[in-house]
N, C-alpha and C. Protein backbone atom coordinates (compact mmCIF):
# COMPACT_ATOMS: atom_id res chain seq x y z
N MET A 1 141.69 134.54 152.91
CA MET A 1 141.88 135.90 153.58
C MET A 1 142.02 136.05 155.16
N ILE A 2 141.99 134.70 155.42
CA ILE A 2 141.83 134.53 156.93
C ILE A 2 143.22 134.08 156.89
N LYS A 3 144.02 133.56 155.86
CA LYS A 3 145.22 133.62 155.89
C LYS A 3 146.11 134.74 156.71
N TYR A 4 145.65 135.61 155.74
CA TYR A 4 146.62 137.16 156.11
C TYR A 4 146.15 137.68 157.09
N VAL A 5 144.62 137.55 157.40
CA VAL A 5 144.61 137.98 158.85
C VAL A 5 145.34 137.58 159.89
N VAL A 6 145.55 136.46 159.89
CA VAL A 6 145.79 135.20 160.94
C VAL A 6 147.56 135.98 160.79
N GLY A 7 148.65 136.12 159.75
CA GLY A 7 149.76 136.06 159.35
C GLY A 7 149.71 137.35 160.00
N PHE A 8 149.16 138.78 159.69
CA PHE A 8 148.78 139.87 159.82
C PHE A 8 149.06 140.08 161.45
N ILE A 9 148.54 139.61 162.22
CA ILE A 9 148.45 139.29 163.62
C ILE A 9 149.20 138.64 164.46
N GLY A 10 149.87 137.32 163.59
CA GLY A 10 151.50 136.92 164.14
C GLY A 10 152.47 137.98 163.37
N LEU A 11 152.54 138.77 162.72
CA LEU A 11 153.27 139.80 162.48
C LEU A 11 153.42 140.84 163.48
N LEU A 12 152.59 141.10 164.24
CA LEU A 12 152.30 142.35 165.48
C LEU A 12 153.21 141.37 166.53
N ILE A 13 152.65 140.03 167.02
CA ILE A 13 153.34 139.68 168.00
C ILE A 13 154.69 139.46 167.44
N TRP A 14 154.79 138.61 166.56
CA TRP A 14 156.40 138.77 166.43
C TRP A 14 157.01 140.01 166.19
N LEU A 15 156.60 140.77 166.22
CA LEU A 15 157.48 142.45 166.16
C LEU A 15 157.66 142.47 167.52
N PHE A 16 156.53 142.34 168.69
CA PHE A 16 156.59 142.76 169.84
C PHE A 16 157.92 141.90 170.71
N VAL A 17 157.49 140.51 170.40
CA VAL A 17 158.49 139.60 171.07
C VAL A 17 160.01 140.00 170.99
N LEU A 18 160.33 140.34 169.44
CA LEU A 18 161.79 140.80 168.98
C LEU A 18 161.79 142.01 170.10
N HIS A 19 160.87 142.93 170.06
CA HIS A 19 161.19 144.14 170.58
C HIS A 19 161.25 144.01 172.30
N ILE A 20 160.79 142.68 172.77
CA ILE A 20 161.11 142.43 174.26
C ILE A 20 162.55 141.82 174.50
N LEU A 21 162.73 140.75 173.30
CA LEU A 21 164.26 140.31 173.45
C LEU A 21 165.18 141.14 173.06
N ASN A 22 165.22 142.18 172.15
CA ASN A 22 166.17 143.17 171.76
C ASN A 22 166.66 143.93 173.07
N LYS A 23 165.83 144.21 173.70
CA LYS A 23 165.97 145.18 174.91
C LYS A 23 166.38 144.31 175.88
N SER A 24 165.68 143.22 175.73
CA SER A 24 166.35 142.21 177.01
C SER A 24 167.92 141.93 176.94
N LYS A 25 168.48 142.35 175.48
CA LYS A 25 169.98 141.80 175.23
C LYS A 25 169.81 139.86 175.02
N LEU A 26 168.87 139.52 174.76
CA LEU A 26 168.68 138.34 174.99
C LEU A 26 169.49 138.04 173.38
N ASN A 27 170.47 137.74 172.75
CA ASN A 27 170.86 137.85 171.09
C ASN A 27 170.37 136.77 170.42
N PHE A 28 170.97 135.35 171.32
CA PHE A 28 170.53 134.09 170.63
C PHE A 28 169.13 134.10 170.63
N TRP A 29 168.45 134.32 171.26
CA TRP A 29 167.03 133.96 171.31
C TRP A 29 166.42 135.07 169.92
N HIS A 30 167.26 136.09 169.97
CA HIS A 30 166.82 137.40 169.13
C HIS A 30 166.58 136.55 167.90
N PHE A 31 168.01 135.97 167.62
CA PHE A 31 168.20 135.25 166.05
C PHE A 31 167.41 134.48 166.02
N LEU A 32 167.23 133.28 167.01
CA LEU A 32 166.21 132.16 166.70
C LEU A 32 164.80 132.84 166.30
N VAL A 33 164.03 133.66 167.28
CA VAL A 33 163.02 134.09 167.17
C VAL A 33 162.79 134.74 165.80
N GLY A 34 163.54 135.57 165.66
CA GLY A 34 163.53 136.72 164.46
C GLY A 34 163.73 135.56 163.19
N SER A 35 164.53 134.72 162.74
CA SER A 35 164.83 133.75 161.86
C SER A 35 163.65 133.13 161.45
N ALA A 36 163.09 132.31 162.47
CA ALA A 36 162.00 131.49 162.53
C ALA A 36 160.98 132.33 162.24
N GLY A 37 160.60 132.86 162.86
CA GLY A 37 159.49 134.28 162.37
C GLY A 37 159.41 134.79 160.96
N ALA A 38 160.73 135.29 160.77
CA ALA A 38 160.78 135.89 159.18
C ALA A 38 160.29 134.77 158.27
N PHE A 39 161.24 133.45 158.73
CA PHE A 39 160.44 132.48 157.85
C PHE A 39 159.01 132.19 157.44
N ILE A 40 158.20 131.87 158.93
CA ILE A 40 156.98 131.69 158.40
C ILE A 40 156.44 133.20 157.79
N LEU A 41 156.81 134.16 158.12
CA LEU A 41 155.87 134.88 157.37
C LEU A 41 156.22 134.98 155.99
N MET A 42 157.31 135.26 155.44
CA MET A 42 157.65 135.30 154.31
C MET A 42 156.39 133.91 153.54
N LEU A 43 156.76 132.91 153.95
CA LEU A 43 156.19 131.98 153.20
C LEU A 43 154.89 132.06 153.29
N VAL A 44 153.93 133.06 154.01
CA VAL A 44 152.90 133.11 154.37
C VAL A 44 152.67 133.89 153.24
N PHE A 45 153.16 135.16 153.15
CA PHE A 45 153.08 136.67 152.17
C PHE A 45 153.60 136.79 150.55
N LEU A 46 154.88 136.31 151.38
CA LEU A 46 155.91 136.63 149.54
C LEU A 46 155.91 134.80 148.93
N GLN A 47 155.77 133.66 149.44
CA GLN A 47 155.68 132.80 148.62
C GLN A 47 154.82 132.57 147.16
N PRO A 48 153.48 133.13 147.96
CA PRO A 48 152.50 132.46 146.97
C PRO A 48 153.05 133.10 145.38
N PHE A 49 153.49 134.48 146.12
CA PHE A 49 153.74 135.70 144.50
C PHE A 49 154.91 135.39 143.78
N LEU A 50 155.87 134.83 144.83
CA LEU A 50 157.16 134.53 143.97
C LEU A 50 157.65 133.11 143.59
N THR A 51 156.70 132.35 143.42
CA THR A 51 157.10 130.82 143.28
C THR A 51 156.84 130.64 141.74
N GLN A 52 156.00 131.10 141.10
CA GLN A 52 156.07 130.84 139.81
C GLN A 52 157.03 132.00 139.15
N PRO A 53 157.30 133.16 139.69
CA PRO A 53 158.48 134.25 138.53
C PRO A 53 160.16 133.16 138.75
N LEU A 54 160.07 132.71 139.97
CA LEU A 54 161.33 132.09 140.32
C LEU A 54 161.34 130.68 139.43
N ALA A 55 160.40 129.99 139.49
CA ALA A 55 160.68 128.80 138.93
C ALA A 55 160.39 129.35 137.11
N ARG A 56 160.00 130.18 136.18
CA ARG A 56 160.60 130.58 135.09
C ARG A 56 161.84 131.20 134.73
N ILE A 57 162.28 131.47 136.22
CA ILE A 57 164.24 131.93 135.66
C ILE A 57 164.55 130.79 135.64
N VAL A 58 164.08 129.82 136.62
CA VAL A 58 165.33 128.68 136.56
C VAL A 58 165.07 127.97 135.58
N ALA A 59 163.64 127.71 134.38
CA ALA A 59 163.63 127.06 133.95
C ALA A 59 164.15 127.74 132.73
N LEU A 60 164.21 129.18 132.44
CA LEU A 60 164.87 129.86 131.38
C LEU A 60 166.98 129.76 131.84
N LEU A 61 166.99 129.67 132.87
CA LEU A 61 168.23 129.42 132.90
C LEU A 61 169.30 128.05 132.84
N SER A 62 168.08 126.89 133.40
CA SER A 62 168.38 125.66 133.08
C SER A 62 168.33 125.37 131.35
N SER A 63 167.72 125.62 130.79
CA SER A 63 167.46 125.46 129.62
C SER A 63 168.63 125.99 128.34
N LEU A 64 169.19 126.94 129.12
CA LEU A 64 170.03 127.42 128.02
C LEU A 64 171.03 126.66 127.15
N PRO A 65 172.41 125.59 128.30
CA PRO A 65 172.61 125.16 127.81
C PRO A 65 172.62 123.79 127.01
N GLY A 66 170.99 123.22 127.48
CA GLY A 66 170.30 122.15 126.55
C GLY A 66 170.07 122.72 125.19
N LYS A 67 169.33 124.34 125.18
CA LYS A 67 169.00 125.11 124.10
C LYS A 67 170.27 125.21 123.27
N ALA A 68 171.60 125.36 123.57
CA ALA A 68 172.59 125.58 122.97
C ALA A 68 173.09 124.91 122.40
N ALA A 69 172.67 123.34 122.73
CA ALA A 69 173.23 122.36 122.04
C ALA A 69 172.24 121.50 121.81
N GLY A 70 170.95 122.05 121.75
CA GLY A 70 169.71 121.27 120.71
C GLY A 70 169.18 119.68 121.81
N ILE A 71 169.79 119.65 122.74
CA ILE A 71 168.96 118.37 123.36
C ILE A 71 168.03 118.22 124.13
N TYR A 72 167.43 119.66 124.72
CA TYR A 72 166.05 119.51 125.27
C TYR A 72 165.85 121.39 125.17
N SER A 73 164.32 121.49 125.81
CA SER A 73 163.77 122.67 125.17
C SER A 73 163.09 123.05 126.64
N ALA A 74 162.46 124.37 126.62
CA ALA A 74 162.17 124.88 127.84
C ALA A 74 161.06 125.77 127.56
N HIS A 75 159.52 125.50 127.96
CA HIS A 75 158.61 126.75 127.71
C HIS A 75 158.74 127.48 128.95
N TYR A 76 159.27 128.42 129.51
CA TYR A 76 159.12 129.38 130.50
C TYR A 76 157.77 130.22 130.79
N LYS A 77 157.25 130.20 130.32
CA LYS A 77 155.66 130.74 130.83
C LYS A 77 155.08 129.58 131.92
N TYR A 78 155.89 128.41 131.63
CA TYR A 78 154.74 127.31 132.78
C TYR A 78 155.77 126.77 133.01
N GLY A 79 157.06 127.10 133.22
CA GLY A 79 157.80 126.53 134.11
C GLY A 79 158.42 125.11 133.44
N VAL A 80 158.12 124.92 132.35
CA VAL A 80 158.39 123.31 131.83
C VAL A 80 159.32 123.20 131.08
N ILE A 81 159.97 121.77 131.29
CA ILE A 81 161.30 121.89 130.54
C ILE A 81 160.96 120.63 130.21
N PHE A 82 160.90 120.12 128.58
CA PHE A 82 160.83 119.00 127.78
C PHE A 82 162.16 118.51 127.07
N VAL A 83 162.30 117.39 127.93
CA VAL A 83 163.81 116.25 127.57
C VAL A 83 163.33 115.24 126.52
N GLU A 84 163.94 114.70 125.13
CA GLU A 84 163.60 113.98 124.52
C GLU A 84 164.96 113.14 124.36
N SER A 85 164.68 112.04 124.94
CA SER A 85 165.96 110.92 124.83
C SER A 85 165.95 109.93 123.92
N ALA A 86 167.01 109.40 123.35
CA ALA A 86 166.55 108.29 122.71
C ALA A 86 165.66 106.78 123.02
N VAL A 87 165.50 106.83 124.23
CA VAL A 87 164.31 105.83 124.35
C VAL A 87 163.18 106.42 125.28
N GLY A 88 162.83 107.71 125.12
CA GLY A 88 161.54 108.49 125.01
C GLY A 88 161.92 109.70 125.93
N ALA A 89 160.63 110.77 125.95
CA ALA A 89 160.04 111.97 126.05
C ALA A 89 159.76 111.60 127.94
N ILE A 90 160.17 112.79 128.11
CA ILE A 90 159.79 113.76 129.81
C ILE A 90 159.42 114.69 129.73
N SER A 91 158.15 115.43 130.29
CA SER A 91 158.11 116.92 130.60
C SER A 91 158.61 117.07 132.31
N LEU A 92 159.58 118.01 132.60
CA LEU A 92 160.07 118.42 133.56
C LEU A 92 159.40 119.55 133.97
N ARG A 93 158.10 119.72 135.53
CA ARG A 93 157.78 120.61 135.54
C ARG A 93 158.29 121.86 136.60
N ILE A 94 158.94 122.86 136.85
CA ILE A 94 159.52 123.33 138.17
C ILE A 94 158.24 124.26 138.92
N ASP A 95 157.98 123.41 140.09
CA ASP A 95 157.33 123.48 140.66
C ASP A 95 157.21 123.94 142.28
N PHE A 96 156.83 124.47 142.90
CA PHE A 96 157.12 124.80 144.27
C PHE A 96 157.99 124.30 144.92
N GLU A 97 158.64 122.99 144.83
CA GLU A 97 159.60 122.57 146.03
C GLU A 97 160.98 122.82 144.59
N CYS A 98 160.59 122.70 143.43
CA CYS A 98 161.94 122.89 143.14
C CYS A 98 162.27 124.08 142.43
N SER A 99 161.77 125.01 142.19
CA SER A 99 161.67 126.94 142.17
C SER A 99 163.15 127.08 143.19
N GLY A 100 163.33 126.38 144.25
CA GLY A 100 164.26 126.72 145.57
C GLY A 100 163.68 127.71 146.52
N ILE A 101 162.09 128.23 146.09
CA ILE A 101 161.71 129.00 147.18
C ILE A 101 161.94 128.71 148.62
N ILE A 102 161.82 127.38 149.07
CA ILE A 102 161.74 127.40 150.31
C ILE A 102 163.11 127.94 150.95
N GLU A 103 164.59 127.32 150.02
CA GLU A 103 165.89 127.10 150.40
C GLU A 103 166.21 128.62 150.38
N ILE A 104 165.63 129.54 149.28
CA ILE A 104 165.93 131.53 149.34
C ILE A 104 165.00 131.96 150.90
N ILE A 105 163.94 131.92 150.74
CA ILE A 105 163.27 132.45 152.18
C ILE A 105 164.03 132.11 153.40
N ALA A 106 164.89 130.84 153.94
CA ALA A 106 165.29 130.70 154.78
C ALA A 106 166.67 130.83 154.79
N TYR A 107 167.56 131.02 153.52
CA TYR A 107 168.63 131.87 153.45
C TYR A 107 168.67 132.95 154.34
N LEU A 108 167.55 134.04 153.52
CA LEU A 108 167.53 135.46 153.86
C LEU A 108 166.24 135.61 155.24
N SER A 109 165.92 134.51 155.72
CA SER A 109 165.30 134.78 157.10
C SER A 109 166.41 134.36 157.94
N LEU A 110 167.86 133.52 157.86
CA LEU A 110 169.12 133.85 158.81
C LEU A 110 169.67 134.96 158.47
N LEU A 111 169.72 135.46 157.19
CA LEU A 111 170.42 136.69 157.02
C LEU A 111 170.06 137.42 157.64
N MET A 112 168.62 138.19 158.10
CA MET A 112 168.38 139.27 158.15
C MET A 112 168.79 139.18 159.68
N PHE A 113 168.95 138.70 160.26
CA PHE A 113 169.29 138.46 161.68
C PHE A 113 170.74 138.10 162.05
N TYR A 114 171.51 138.09 161.43
CA TYR A 114 172.83 137.65 161.74
C TYR A 114 173.65 138.88 161.96
N ARG A 115 174.00 139.46 163.36
CA ARG A 115 174.52 140.55 163.50
C ARG A 115 175.84 140.78 163.11
N VAL A 116 176.52 139.73 162.62
CA VAL A 116 178.41 139.76 161.92
C VAL A 116 178.33 140.45 160.91
N TYR A 117 177.16 140.98 159.99
CA TYR A 117 177.45 141.71 159.18
C TYR A 117 176.81 143.26 159.62
N THR A 118 176.63 144.58 158.81
CA THR A 118 176.01 145.77 159.21
C THR A 118 174.95 145.47 157.73
N VAL A 119 174.03 146.75 158.29
CA VAL A 119 172.17 146.33 157.50
C VAL A 119 172.81 146.45 155.62
N TYR A 120 174.38 147.43 155.68
CA TYR A 120 174.15 147.16 154.61
C TYR A 120 174.67 146.03 153.59
N GLU A 121 175.69 145.81 154.22
CA GLU A 121 176.46 143.80 154.13
C GLU A 121 175.32 142.93 153.89
N ARG A 122 174.24 143.09 154.81
CA ARG A 122 172.91 142.27 154.78
C ARG A 122 172.67 142.18 153.16
N VAL A 123 172.07 143.37 153.16
CA VAL A 123 171.30 143.84 151.74
C VAL A 123 172.12 143.05 150.63
N TYR A 124 173.35 143.44 150.67
CA TYR A 124 174.53 143.01 149.69
C TYR A 124 175.21 141.67 149.40
N VAL A 125 175.01 140.93 150.86
CA VAL A 125 175.60 139.61 151.12
C VAL A 125 173.97 138.48 150.45
N GLY A 126 172.86 139.42 150.95
CA GLY A 126 171.24 138.48 150.64
C GLY A 126 171.36 138.38 149.00
N VAL A 127 171.52 139.74 148.60
CA VAL A 127 171.37 139.75 146.63
C VAL A 127 172.28 138.81 145.88
N LEU A 128 173.44 138.96 146.81
CA LEU A 128 174.66 137.87 145.89
C LEU A 128 174.16 136.35 145.95
N GLY A 129 174.15 135.94 147.62
CA GLY A 129 173.48 134.71 147.79
C GLY A 129 172.10 134.20 147.30
N VAL A 130 171.25 134.72 146.79
CA VAL A 130 170.18 134.76 146.01
C VAL A 130 170.29 134.23 145.03
N ILE A 131 171.07 135.14 143.91
CA ILE A 131 172.10 134.85 142.57
C ILE A 131 172.30 133.09 142.79
N ALA A 132 173.21 133.02 143.37
CA ALA A 132 174.39 132.05 143.42
C ALA A 132 173.27 130.75 143.66
N MET A 133 172.08 130.98 144.65
CA MET A 133 171.18 129.39 145.20
C MET A 133 170.33 129.99 143.98
N VAL A 134 169.59 130.79 143.48
CA VAL A 134 169.13 130.22 141.79
C VAL A 134 169.78 130.07 140.46
N LEU A 135 171.41 130.21 140.80
CA LEU A 135 172.30 129.96 139.49
C LEU A 135 172.53 128.13 140.33
N SER A 136 172.71 127.89 141.61
CA SER A 136 172.68 126.38 141.71
C SER A 136 172.01 125.45 141.74
N ASN A 137 170.21 126.32 141.50
CA ASN A 137 169.18 125.58 141.66
C ASN A 137 169.23 125.10 139.95
N ALA A 138 169.72 126.24 139.04
CA ALA A 138 169.47 126.15 137.46
C ALA A 138 170.25 125.40 137.27
N LEU A 139 171.64 124.69 138.23
CA LEU A 139 172.56 123.83 137.71
C LEU A 139 172.11 122.29 137.88
N ARG A 140 171.25 122.32 139.28
CA ARG A 140 170.95 121.44 139.45
C ARG A 140 170.20 120.27 138.69
N ILE A 141 168.85 121.70 137.88
CA ILE A 141 167.83 121.26 136.98
C ILE A 141 168.73 120.96 135.88
N THR A 142 169.53 121.10 135.25
CA THR A 142 170.53 121.13 134.01
C THR A 142 171.37 119.67 133.91
N VAL A 143 171.91 119.16 135.49
CA VAL A 143 172.31 118.20 135.76
C VAL A 143 171.05 117.13 135.52
N ILE A 144 170.20 117.62 135.69
CA ILE A 144 169.17 116.54 135.92
C ILE A 144 168.24 115.85 134.00
N CYS A 145 168.26 117.36 133.95
CA CYS A 145 167.77 117.18 132.44
C CYS A 145 169.23 116.01 131.44
N LEU A 146 169.90 116.54 131.82
CA LEU A 146 171.51 116.27 130.82
C LEU A 146 171.40 114.41 131.24
N MET A 147 171.10 113.83 132.55
CA MET A 147 171.48 112.80 132.83
C MET A 147 169.86 111.85 132.15
N ILE A 148 168.88 112.73 132.14
CA ILE A 148 168.02 112.12 131.31
C ILE A 148 168.17 111.88 129.95
N TYR A 149 168.69 112.81 129.10
CA TYR A 149 169.12 113.12 128.15
C TYR A 149 169.75 111.98 127.63
N PHE A 150 171.08 111.76 128.38
CA PHE A 150 171.75 110.81 128.12
C PHE A 150 171.72 108.85 128.45
N GLY A 151 170.63 109.34 129.40
CA GLY A 151 170.50 107.97 130.07
C GLY A 151 169.21 107.23 130.36
N GLY A 152 168.62 108.23 129.12
CA GLY A 152 167.17 107.85 129.50
C GLY A 152 166.04 108.36 130.12
N ILE A 153 164.66 108.13 130.39
CA ILE A 153 164.33 108.34 131.35
C ILE A 153 163.80 107.82 133.00
N ASP A 154 164.70 107.02 132.40
CA ASP A 154 164.65 105.66 133.34
C ASP A 154 165.74 105.95 134.54
N THR A 155 166.86 106.85 134.41
CA THR A 155 167.17 108.06 135.17
C THR A 155 166.80 109.11 136.15
N TYR A 156 165.36 109.12 136.04
CA TYR A 156 164.86 110.35 135.94
C TYR A 156 164.59 110.40 137.60
N TYR A 157 164.61 109.43 138.30
CA TYR A 157 164.82 108.91 139.79
C TYR A 157 165.91 108.95 140.72
N VAL A 158 166.97 108.66 139.72
CA VAL A 158 168.12 108.11 140.59
C VAL A 158 168.71 110.02 140.38
N ALA A 159 168.61 110.44 138.80
CA ALA A 159 169.09 112.12 139.17
C ALA A 159 168.32 113.30 139.99
N HIS A 160 166.84 112.90 139.81
CA HIS A 160 166.40 114.21 140.71
C HIS A 160 166.49 113.62 142.58
N THR A 161 166.21 112.72 142.64
CA THR A 161 166.53 112.14 144.26
C THR A 161 167.92 112.63 144.61
N PHE A 162 168.66 112.13 143.91
CA PHE A 162 170.01 111.79 144.41
C PHE A 162 170.76 112.84 143.66
N VAL A 163 171.17 112.87 142.40
CA VAL A 163 172.56 113.37 141.93
C VAL A 163 172.06 115.26 141.83
N GLY A 164 170.68 115.60 141.94
CA GLY A 164 170.16 116.57 141.29
C GLY A 164 170.07 117.26 142.70
N ARG A 165 169.95 116.73 143.79
CA ARG A 165 169.94 117.35 145.50
C ARG A 165 171.65 117.44 145.99
N PHE A 166 172.28 116.38 145.56
CA PHE A 166 173.67 116.79 146.17
C PHE A 166 174.12 117.95 145.31
N VAL A 167 173.94 117.90 144.04
CA VAL A 167 174.50 119.09 143.24
C VAL A 167 174.07 120.25 144.33
N PHE A 168 172.45 120.30 144.24
CA PHE A 168 172.30 121.83 144.70
C PHE A 168 172.36 122.00 146.20
N TYR A 169 172.24 121.18 146.76
CA TYR A 169 173.02 121.30 148.62
C TYR A 169 174.18 121.11 149.05
N GLY A 170 175.15 120.68 148.17
CA GLY A 170 176.50 120.44 147.92
C GLY A 170 176.95 122.58 148.01
N LEU A 171 176.43 122.90 146.83
CA LEU A 171 176.84 124.34 146.57
C LEU A 171 176.25 125.11 147.30
N SER A 172 174.92 124.70 148.00
CA SER A 172 174.05 125.49 149.42
C SER A 172 174.98 125.28 150.20
N VAL A 173 175.69 124.27 150.65
CA VAL A 173 176.65 124.21 152.02
C VAL A 173 178.22 125.01 151.68
N MET A 174 178.58 125.69 150.70
CA MET A 174 179.36 125.80 149.90
C MET A 174 179.09 127.35 150.16
N ILE A 175 177.47 127.94 149.71
CA ILE A 175 177.29 129.46 149.83
C ILE A 175 176.62 129.81 151.63
N TYR A 176 176.88 128.89 152.35
CA TYR A 176 176.19 128.81 154.02
C TYR A 176 177.66 128.71 154.72
N PHE A 177 178.58 128.22 154.41
CA PHE A 177 180.03 128.61 154.11
C PHE A 177 180.56 130.14 154.51
N TYR A 178 180.71 130.43 152.87
CA TYR A 178 181.20 131.67 152.58
C TYR A 178 180.10 132.84 153.54
N VAL A 179 179.07 132.50 153.98
CA VAL A 179 178.01 133.76 153.82
C VAL A 179 177.99 133.77 155.47
N PHE A 180 177.94 132.78 156.19
CA PHE A 180 177.68 132.86 157.54
C PHE A 180 178.71 132.24 158.63
N THR A 181 179.62 130.92 158.49
CA THR A 181 180.83 130.46 159.16
C THR A 181 182.04 131.19 158.91
N LYS A 182 182.70 131.56 157.94
CA LYS A 182 183.85 132.27 157.61
C LYS A 182 183.97 133.74 158.37
N PRO A 183 182.76 134.53 158.20
CA PRO A 183 183.01 135.61 158.58
C PRO A 183 182.93 135.66 160.28
N GLN A 184 182.14 134.58 160.43
CA GLN A 184 182.05 134.38 161.68
C GLN A 184 183.08 134.24 162.37
N ILE A 185 183.99 132.96 161.68
CA ILE A 185 185.65 132.78 162.39
C ILE A 185 186.07 134.32 162.35
N ILE A 186 186.32 134.36 161.14
CA ILE A 186 187.25 135.96 160.89
C ILE A 186 187.38 137.29 161.93
N LYS A 187 185.54 137.26 162.28
CA LYS A 187 185.41 138.33 163.17
C LYS A 187 185.69 137.82 164.56
N GLN A 188 185.61 136.38 164.68
CA GLN A 188 185.56 136.03 166.37
C GLN A 188 186.80 136.62 167.05
N LYS A 189 186.72 137.16 168.40
CA LYS A 189 187.56 137.53 169.38
C LYS A 189 187.52 136.36 170.70
N VAL A 190 188.96 136.10 170.95
CA VAL A 190 189.06 135.25 172.16
C VAL A 190 190.33 136.10 172.92
N GLY A 191 190.26 136.49 174.05
CA GLY A 191 190.86 137.36 174.28
C GLY A 191 191.40 138.92 173.80
N SER A 192 192.76 138.65 173.90
CA SER A 192 193.24 140.03 172.65
C SER A 192 193.84 139.38 171.50
N PHE A 193 193.06 138.21 171.31
CA PHE A 193 193.64 137.50 169.83
C PHE A 193 192.69 137.67 168.71
N ARG A 194 192.53 138.56 167.81
CA ARG A 194 191.40 138.07 166.76
C ARG A 194 191.91 137.49 165.67
N TYR A 195 190.65 137.05 164.80
CA TYR A 195 191.36 136.16 163.24
C TYR A 195 191.81 137.32 162.41
N ASP A 196 190.95 138.07 162.09
CA ASP A 196 191.09 139.04 161.38
C ASP A 196 192.28 140.18 161.72
N SER A 197 193.10 139.73 162.89
CA SER A 197 194.15 140.73 162.61
C SER A 197 195.21 140.77 162.12
N ASP A 198 195.64 141.94 161.72
CA ASP A 198 197.11 142.06 160.42
C ASP A 198 198.21 141.61 161.44
N LYS A 199 198.15 141.01 162.76
CA LYS A 199 199.78 140.91 163.26
C LYS A 199 200.04 139.51 162.69
């Protein structure tokens, strides 16, 4: 209960500071304070309710290839995937860190205050970005499960710590490029020259 009271007070202070920064036309600080505040507030208010449903969705999506091939299965209700290899079996639990909730909240926090897009465009790109990140995370879990199935449970550490993260963060960088970097470059104006000019 105290957490929510503090969070509500923080919300009011954050909105007040954002109002001042917006009136002062300090766009960089508005983006920075807005994104950081949105991230913290979403972690406080949304994360407890979204982590488990998201873990179930990721478990369901990542289990589809395994179920189709008959090599591993999932218990969606608990966010658990059971992988049985030739040299042993292991249960993978999709928890807070593996659900992708932190990365999704960070993405949405940045997008909320990214003024390259209109409000409508931010909603549209936000929905598409979240779907892409969920699918990327499901692919990460799928790669981990396949490595464990074919390589045995001894490959878990390498699969989870290195290969899985490389897959997920590699795809995340691509999402960030197409959502944040490319539109900024295209809409950038240098003197009378614009990158999106038809000339």
